């Protein structure tokens, strides 16, 4: 007590519980902590995240270390990101844990790539492209087709049926029936998700 006319009136609590445990060192894998989501149409490729080092020797109470399956890093913000990035971050440890390697910094590489998806279009009309000098009549079966395309999610989310042209070019055909692969005019980065459909063309 400091000098002076001071006396203790009360102590609360009057007692405390102290738990003693064996101090051990255990090697634990390191897990990166990420917060937020990348920009729309992009995702984190979790299988390609790189950590160097990817494990650490941690000292602490045996009971606590036994419950841990990994040690997290400090949080990395990925909100709105569209490109992969690399950062150095420290470990996020409880006060009663410490890394054997002092001031350990983890080199983290977070790969971000475009998210791809598939969308199906139904009943798209088949257009016929022919020479203006052709006097023949042309019929196509089927007159409408359904098909799936794949591409970046951000592009497919804004893709409308009117943005797609499905057609056959009959300008060089002679009279008779023909099986022709359907041709498509699609936006950049968008592709058919299956084999090219075949339509039957009849030139009369």
Protein backbone atom coordinates (compact mmCIF):
# COMPACT_ATOMS: atom_id res chain seq x y z
CA UNK A 1 0.00 0.00 0.00
CA UNK A 2 1.15 3.56 -0.61
CA UNK A 3 2.00 5.56 2.53
CA UNK A 4 -0.79 7.53 4.15
CA UNK A 5 -4.00 7.00 5.98
CA UNK A 6 -5.28 4.17 3.68
CA UNK A 7 -6.82 0.84 4.68
CA UNK A 8 -8.46 -2.00 2.73
CA UNK A 9 -12.24 -2.25 3.23
CA UNK A 10 -13.04 -5.14 0.89
CA UNK A 11 -11.55 -7.49 -1.71
CA UNK A 12 -13.75 -9.05 -4.35
CA UNK A 13 -13.49 -11.81 -5.24
CA UNK A 14 -11.80 -13.10 -2.15
CA UNK A 15 -10.23 -15.96 -4.11
CA UNK A 16 -9.43 -16.93 -7.69
CA UNK A 17 -9.04 -20.23 -9.51
CA UNK A 18 -5.71 -20.86 -11.19
CA UNK A 19 -5.32 -23.64 -13.76
CA UNK A 20 -1.83 -24.98 -14.32
CA UNK A 21 -0.99 -26.87 -17.50
CA UNK A 22 2.03 -28.38 -19.16
CA UNK A 23 3.79 -26.03 -21.58
CA UNK A 24 4.42 -27.77 -24.92
CA UNK A 25 5.58 -26.96 -28.46
CA UNK A 26 3.45 -28.19 -31.35
CA UNK A 27 3.75 -27.81 -35.12
CA UNK A 28 0.50 -26.48 -36.60
CA UNK A 29 -0.48 -25.65 -40.18
CA UNK A 30 -1.10 -21.99 -41.01
CA UNK A 31 -4.49 -20.94 -42.40
CA UNK A 32 -4.99 -17.61 -44.16
CA UNK A 33 -7.89 -15.45 -42.93
CA UNK A 34 -9.79 -13.64 -45.70
CA UNK A 35 -12.56 -11.08 -45.35
CA UNK A 36 -15.09 -9.95 -47.95
CA UNK A 37 -15.77 -11.03 -51.53
CA UNK A 38 -13.96 -10.24 -54.81
CA UNK A 39 -15.64 -8.14 -57.51
CA UNK A 40 -18.76 -9.57 -59.19
CA UNK A 41 -17.81 -12.30 -61.64
CA UNK A 42 -14.54 -13.13 -59.85
CA UNK A 43 -13.66 -15.72 -57.22
CA UNK A 44 -10.77 -16.88 -55.07
CA UNK A 45 -9.16 -20.11 -56.25
CA UNK A 46 -8.84 -21.65 -52.80
CA UNK A 47 -6.88 -24.69 -54.00
CA UNK A 48 -4.06 -22.48 -55.31
CA UNK A 49 -3.53 -20.27 -52.25
CA UNK A 50 0.17 -20.31 -51.34
CA UNK A 51 1.63 -19.85 -47.83
CA UNK A 52 5.32 -19.61 -47.03
CA UNK A 53 5.86 -20.99 -44.46
CA UNK A 54 2.73 -23.13 -44.36
CA UNK A 55 3.28 -24.33 -40.76
CA UNK A 56 4.74 -22.96 -37.53
CA UNK A 57 6.05 -24.22 -34.17
CA UNK A 58 3.73 -22.82 -31.50
CA UNK A 59 4.37 -22.90 -27.74
CA UNK A 60 1.50 -22.85 -25.27
CA UNK A 61 -0.65 -24.82 -22.79
CA UNK A 62 -1.14 -28.43 -23.80
CA UNK A 63 -4.94 -28.30 -23.38
CA UNK A 64 -5.31 -25.29 -25.69
CA UNK A 65 -2.89 -26.46 -28.36
CA UNK A 66 -4.60 -29.85 -28.43
CA UNK A 67 -7.84 -28.21 -29.56
CA UNK A 68 -6.30 -26.32 -32.47
CA UNK A 69 -6.07 -27.72 -35.98
CA UNK A 70 -4.47 -24.60 -37.52
CA UNK A 71 -3.16 -21.15 -36.71
CA UNK A 72 -4.86 -18.22 -38.49
CA UNK A 73 -3.09 -15.25 -40.01
CA UNK A 74 -4.12 -11.66 -39.59
CA UNK A 75 -7.12 -10.86 -41.81
CA UNK A 76 -6.60 -9.94 -45.46
CA UNK A 77 -9.27 -7.79 -47.15
CA UNK A 78 -10.33 -9.08 -50.60
CA UNK A 79 -13.40 -6.87 -51.13
CA UNK A 80 -13.81 -5.85 -54.78
CA UNK A 81 -10.54 -7.40 -55.95
CA UNK A 82 -10.17 -8.59 -59.56
CA UNK A 83 -6.51 -9.62 -59.59
CA UNK A 84 -4.33 -12.03 -57.66
CA UNK A 85 -2.10 -10.46 -55.00
CA UNK A 86 0.69 -11.27 -52.56
CA UNK A 87 1.09 -9.96 -48.99
CA UNK A 88 3.17 -10.58 -45.87
CA UNK A 89 1.10 -11.00 -42.71
CA UNK A 90 1.69 -11.99 -39.11
CA UNK A 91 0.04 -14.82 -37.21
CA UNK A 92 -3.02 -14.09 -35.07
CA UNK A 93 -2.24 -15.77 -31.73
CA UNK A 94 -4.02 -15.87 -28.39
CA UNK A 95 -2.12 -14.08 -25.59
CA UNK A 96 -1.02 -17.38 -24.01
CA UNK A 97 0.43 -18.72 -27.29
CA UNK A 98 3.62 -17.72 -29.01
CA UNK A 99 5.55 -18.67 -32.11
CA UNK A 100 8.99 -20.22 -31.54
CA UNK A 101 10.19 -18.14 -34.51
CA UNK A 102 10.09 -14.57 -33.26
CA UNK A 103 8.26 -12.00 -35.40
CA UNK A 104 7.25 -14.69 -37.89
CA UNK A 105 5.79 -13.24 -41.11
CA UNK A 106 3.90 -15.38 -43.61
CA UNK A 107 4.18 -14.73 -47.35
CA UNK A 108 0.63 -15.22 -48.70
CA UNK A 109 -0.37 -15.48 -52.38
CA UNK A 110 -4.13 -15.21 -53.04
CA UNK A 111 -5.12 -16.23 -56.60
CA UNK A 112 -8.21 -14.50 -57.98
CA UNK A 113 -9.71 -15.53 -61.31
CA UNK A 114 -12.83 -14.98 -63.31
CA UNK A 115 -15.82 -17.07 -62.34
CA UNK A 116 -17.20 -19.13 -65.21
CA UNK A 117 -20.73 -20.45 -65.47
CA UNK A 118 -23.18 -22.03 -67.93
CA UNK A 119 -26.52 -20.69 -69.11
CA UNK A 120 -29.15 -22.35 -71.32
CA UNK A 121 -31.12 -20.49 -73.98
CA UNK A 122 -34.41 -21.92 -75.24
CA UNK A 123 -36.30 -21.47 -78.53
CA UNK A 124 -33.79 -19.24 -80.31
CA UNK A 125 -34.95 -18.77 -83.97
CA UNK A 126 -32.64 -20.07 -86.70
CA UNK A 127 -31.89 -17.39 -89.29
CA UNK A 128 -31.22 -18.23 -92.93
CA UNK A 129 -28.47 -16.34 -94.76
CA UNK A 130 -28.68 -16.66 -98.54
CA UNK A 131 -27.59 -14.92 -101.69
CA UNK A 132 -30.04 -12.21 -102.70
CA UNK A 133 -30.05 -13.69 -106.24
CA UNK A 134 -31.32 -17.08 -105.04
CA UNK A 135 -34.80 -17.76 -106.38
CA UNK A 136 -35.17 -21.01 -104.45
CA UNK A 137 -37.31 -21.48 -101.40
CA UNK A 138 -35.47 -22.56 -98.25
CA UNK A 139 -36.87 -24.24 -95.15
CA UNK A 140 -35.04 -25.20 -91.95
CA UNK A 141 -35.88 -27.85 -89.37
CA UNK A 142 -36.00 -27.19 -86.53
CA UNK A 143 -36.88 -23.53 -86.87
CA UNK A 144 -35.90 -22.88 -83.24
CA UNK A 145 -33.10 -24.39 -81.18
CA UNK A 146 -32.06 -24.61 -77.53
CA UNK A 147 -28.42 -24.69 -76.48
CA UNK A 148 -26.04 -23.94 -73.60
CA UNK A 149 -23.15 -21.50 -73.57
CA UNK A 150 -20.35 -20.97 -71.09
CA UNK A 151 -18.25 -17.93 -70.26
CA UNK A 152 -17.38 -15.43 -67.54
CA UNK A 153 -20.25 -15.10 -65.07
CA UNK A 154 -20.23 -11.31 -65.29
CA UNK A 155 -20.76 -11.52 -69.07
CA UNK A 156 -23.42 -14.25 -68.93
CA UNK A 157 -25.43 -12.39 -66.29
CA UNK A 158 -26.02 -9.60 -68.82
CA UNK A 159 -26.46 -11.81 -71.89
CA UNK A 160 -29.92 -11.71 -73.51
CA UNK A 161 -31.41 -13.88 -76.31
CA UNK A 162 -31.33 -10.94 -78.71
CA UNK A 163 -27.54 -10.75 -78.25
CA UNK A 164 -27.16 -14.17 -79.90
CA UNK A 165 -27.47 -14.98 -83.61
CA UNK A 166 -28.02 -18.62 -84.66
CA UNK A 167 -27.90 -19.06 -88.45
CA UNK A 168 -27.15 -21.24 -91.47
CA UNK A 169 -25.53 -19.99 -94.67
CA UNK A 170 -27.28 -21.51 -97.69
CA UNK A 171 -25.86 -19.22 -100.37
CA UNK A 172 -23.73 -22.00 -101.90
CA UNK A 173 -26.26 -24.84 -101.64
CA UNK A 174 -27.94 -26.65 -104.50
CA UNK A 175 -31.48 -27.97 -104.56
CA UNK A 176 -32.19 -30.82 -102.19
CA UNK A 177 -31.86 -31.63 -98.50
CA UNK A 178 -28.71 -30.84 -96.54
CA UNK A 179 -27.54 -31.36 -92.94
CA UNK A 180 -25.64 -28.26 -91.87
CA UNK A 181 -23.91 -27.35 -88.60
CA UNK A 182 -25.55 -24.36 -87.00
CA UNK A 183 -23.40 -21.25 -86.84
CA UNK A 184 -23.45 -18.76 -83.98
CA UNK A 185 -22.51 -15.16 -83.45
CA UNK A 186 -21.70 -14.87 -79.74
CA UNK A 187 -20.16 -12.12 -77.57
CA UNK A 188 -16.43 -12.27 -76.88
CA UNK A 189 -15.38 -14.91 -74.32
CA UNK A 190 -18.67 -16.83 -74.72
CA UNK A 191 -18.60 -20.31 -76.25
CA UNK A 192 -20.98 -23.20 -76.88
CA UNK A 193 -20.96 -25.65 -73.99
CA UNK A 194 -21.48 -28.72 -76.21
CA UNK A 195 -21.08 -29.97 -79.77
CA UNK A 196 -22.42 -27.78 -82.55
CA UNK A 197 -26.10 -28.55 -83.30
CA UNK A 198 -26.98 -29.77 -86.81
CA UNK A 199 -30.10 -28.61 -88.64
CA UNK A 200 -31.79 -29.96 -91.77
CA UNK A 201 -32.02 -27.49 -94.66
CA UNK A 202 -34.29 -28.07 -97.64
CA UNK A 203 -33.72 -26.04 -100.81
CA UNK A 204 -36.68 -26.22 -103.22
